[in-house]
Protein backbone atom coordinates (compact mmCIF):
# COMPACT_ATOMS: atom_id res chain seq x y z
CA MET A 1 -35.10 -33.13 -90.20
CA ILE A 2 -36.89 -31.43 -87.34
CA CYS A 3 -39.18 -34.03 -86.78
CA GLN A 4 -37.06 -36.77 -84.72
CA ALA A 5 -38.72 -38.48 -82.63
CA LYS A 6 -35.01 -39.26 -80.02
CA GLU A 7 -35.28 -35.29 -79.89
CA TYR A 8 -38.56 -35.63 -77.70
CA GLY A 9 -38.47 -38.45 -75.66
CA GLY A 10 -40.31 -40.44 -77.78
CA ASN A 11 -40.62 -44.22 -78.03
CA ALA A 12 -39.34 -47.49 -80.59
CA VAL A 13 -42.42 -47.50 -82.36
CA ILE A 14 -42.92 -43.45 -82.87
CA ASP A 15 -39.57 -43.44 -83.86
CA SER A 16 -39.47 -46.60 -86.52
CA GLN A 17 -42.65 -45.01 -88.00
CA ILE A 18 -40.93 -41.71 -88.37
CA ARG A 19 -37.52 -43.30 -89.99
CA ALA A 20 -40.52 -44.81 -92.36
CA LEU A 21 -41.68 -41.60 -93.59
CA PRO A 22 -40.24 -40.58 -97.22
CA LEU A 23 -38.77 -37.46 -97.24
CA SER A 24 -40.69 -35.52 -99.04
CA ASN A 25 -42.40 -31.07 -98.79
CA ARG A 26 -44.72 -33.25 -97.10
CA PHE A 27 -42.38 -34.92 -94.04
CA GLU A 28 -43.50 -32.41 -91.53
CA ILE A 29 -46.74 -32.87 -91.50
CA GLU A 30 -46.88 -36.94 -91.67
CA CYS A 31 -44.71 -36.75 -88.50
CA GLY A 32 -46.93 -34.16 -87.16
CA LYS A 33 -49.63 -36.82 -87.62
CA ILE A 34 -47.90 -39.16 -85.94
CA TYR A 35 -47.17 -37.46 -82.59
CA LEU A 36 -50.83 -36.14 -83.01
CA LYS A 37 -52.20 -39.63 -83.01
CA ASP A 38 -49.83 -40.83 -80.32
CA ALA A 39 -50.92 -38.13 -78.34
CA ILE A 40 -54.93 -39.10 -79.03
CA SER A 41 -54.40 -42.79 -77.71
CA PHE A 42 -52.41 -41.70 -74.74
CA ILE A 43 -55.14 -38.88 -73.62
CA LYS A 44 -57.46 -41.86 -74.21
CA THR A 45 -55.71 -45.08 -72.88
CA GLU A 46 -54.36 -42.62 -69.77
CA PRO A 47 -56.92 -40.36 -68.79
CA HIS A 48 -55.66 -40.04 -65.16
CA ARG A 49 -52.06 -39.31 -66.16
CA GLU A 50 -53.08 -36.72 -68.90
CA ILE A 51 -54.88 -34.74 -66.21
CA MET A 52 -51.88 -34.86 -63.70
CA LEU A 53 -49.74 -34.20 -66.67
CA VAL A 54 -51.77 -31.23 -67.00
CA PHE A 55 -51.20 -30.05 -63.17
CA LYS A 56 -47.98 -30.93 -63.89
CA LYS A 57 -46.96 -28.73 -66.22
CA ILE A 58 -48.93 -25.31 -64.43
CA PHE A 59 -46.70 -25.78 -61.62
CA TYR A 60 -43.89 -26.37 -64.08
CA PHE A 61 -44.67 -23.35 -65.77
CA TRP A 62 -45.46 -21.37 -63.22
CA PHE A 63 -43.77 -22.25 -59.84
CA LEU A 64 -40.48 -24.23 -60.93
CA ASP A 65 -39.72 -26.84 -63.83
CA ILE A 66 -38.02 -29.17 -61.36
CA THR A 67 -36.95 -31.30 -64.80
CA HIS A 68 -34.51 -28.78 -66.20
CA PRO A 69 -31.12 -28.59 -65.23
CA LYS A 70 -30.86 -24.46 -65.82
CA ALA A 71 -34.48 -24.29 -63.80
CA LYS A 72 -32.65 -25.22 -60.77
CA ARG A 73 -30.00 -22.72 -60.47
CA ILE A 74 -30.26 -20.27 -57.73
CA GLU A 75 -30.06 -17.13 -60.03
CA TYR A 76 -33.35 -18.38 -62.00
CA ILE A 77 -35.27 -19.59 -58.86
CA SER A 78 -34.50 -16.03 -57.06
CA VAL A 79 -35.23 -14.40 -59.74
CA TRP A 80 -38.59 -16.12 -60.35
CA GLY A 81 -39.18 -16.11 -57.25
CA THR A 82 -39.05 -12.77 -56.42
CA VAL A 83 -41.27 -11.67 -59.71
CA LEU A 84 -44.08 -14.38 -58.91
CA LEU A 85 -43.45 -13.00 -55.49
CA PHE A 86 -44.83 -9.29 -56.04
CA PHE A 87 -47.11 -10.40 -59.05
CA VAL A 88 -49.51 -12.46 -55.88
CA MET A 89 -48.69 -9.01 -54.47
CA GLY A 90 -49.73 -7.04 -56.92
CA LEU A 91 -52.96 -9.33 -57.50
CA VAL A 92 -54.06 -8.53 -54.25
CA PHE A 93 -53.65 -5.20 -54.72
CA SER A 94 -55.28 -4.31 -57.55
CA MET A 95 -58.40 -6.33 -56.53
CA LYS A 96 -58.46 -4.29 -53.21
CA HIS A 97 -58.37 -1.17 -55.36
CA HIS A 98 -60.20 -2.18 -58.25
CA PHE A 99 -57.48 -1.75 -60.67
CA ASP A 100 -58.98 -3.63 -64.84
CA ILE A 101 -56.52 -5.92 -65.06
CA SER A 102 -58.68 -8.11 -67.54
CA VAL A 103 -56.69 -8.31 -70.38
CA LEU A 104 -53.58 -8.75 -68.32
CA LEU A 105 -55.04 -11.81 -67.08
CA VAL A 106 -56.80 -12.97 -70.64
CA PHE A 107 -53.25 -13.17 -71.71
CA LEU A 108 -51.96 -14.96 -68.57
CA LEU A 109 -54.76 -17.46 -68.80
CA SER A 110 -54.53 -18.15 -72.53
CA MET A 111 -50.34 -18.76 -72.17
CA THR A 112 -51.17 -21.19 -69.41
CA PHE A 113 -53.70 -22.87 -71.13
CA THR A 114 -51.38 -23.00 -74.24
CA THR A 115 -49.32 -24.38 -71.66
CA MET A 116 -51.09 -26.83 -70.92
CA MET A 117 -52.23 -28.59 -74.01
CA PHE A 118 -48.14 -28.28 -75.37
CA PHE A 119 -44.88 -28.76 -73.13
CA VAL A 120 -43.28 -26.55 -70.79
CA LEU A 121 -39.91 -25.13 -71.37
CA PRO A 122 -38.42 -22.54 -68.93
CA ARG A 123 -37.72 -19.92 -71.05
CA TYR A 124 -41.59 -19.95 -71.78
CA GLN A 125 -41.76 -17.90 -68.66
CA ILE A 126 -40.24 -15.25 -70.48
CA MET A 127 -43.53 -14.71 -72.50
CA LEU A 128 -45.39 -14.86 -69.32
CA THR A 129 -43.55 -12.21 -67.57
CA TYR A 130 -44.73 -9.89 -70.00
CA GLY A 131 -48.10 -9.68 -68.42
CA MET A 132 -46.78 -10.16 -64.83
CA MET A 133 -44.74 -7.61 -64.64
CA PRO A 134 -47.05 -4.34 -64.85
CA ILE A 135 -49.08 -6.40 -62.08
CA ALA A 136 -45.89 -7.25 -59.88
CA ALA A 137 -45.01 -3.40 -60.69
CA VAL A 138 -48.55 -2.54 -58.66
CA GLY A 139 -47.54 -5.25 -56.01
CA VAL A 140 -44.33 -3.31 -55.79
CA SER A 141 -45.34 0.03 -55.46
CA GLY A 142 -48.03 -1.21 -53.07
CA ALA A 143 -45.56 -3.25 -50.49
CA TYR A 144 -43.33 0.23 -50.77
CA ASN A 145 -46.36 2.12 -49.77
CA SER A 146 -47.21 0.15 -46.75
CA ILE A 147 -43.88 -0.24 -45.39
CA PHE A 148 -42.76 3.60 -45.49
CA LYS A 149 -46.39 4.74 -45.36
CA ARG A 150 -46.74 3.40 -42.04
CA ASN A 151 -43.28 4.21 -40.67
CA THR A 152 -43.84 8.40 -41.35
């Protein structure tokens, strides 16, 4: 059984509904319906909390997931921080020099949108880096050229 409420921080009501499901080839589908119903109910009854949750997810996805123990490690923070710094620099250089990075930006926005709808795990940032690295490389190149071309 993959669908278990306790794994995902479910509550007692959700847990009892899942336990009441018969084991069949439709178990996962019915379990998904329970979660969907609960999610829609949460959005309807607590829209302000849902909006705050979306902003938290974006922060956790793009910056630092303070809820995950592995994401608090200095190795993780330093590597991710460096990539993010050069990515931002690459965005600035790309706009300044009119590079067409629209395909990468669409990829990054779609990843962010998907995360906003579901949940964030630090490993999801690995997929994010596929779109960030080419832009970060522009940032590294621009920083290198700015530093060494001024001094020569």
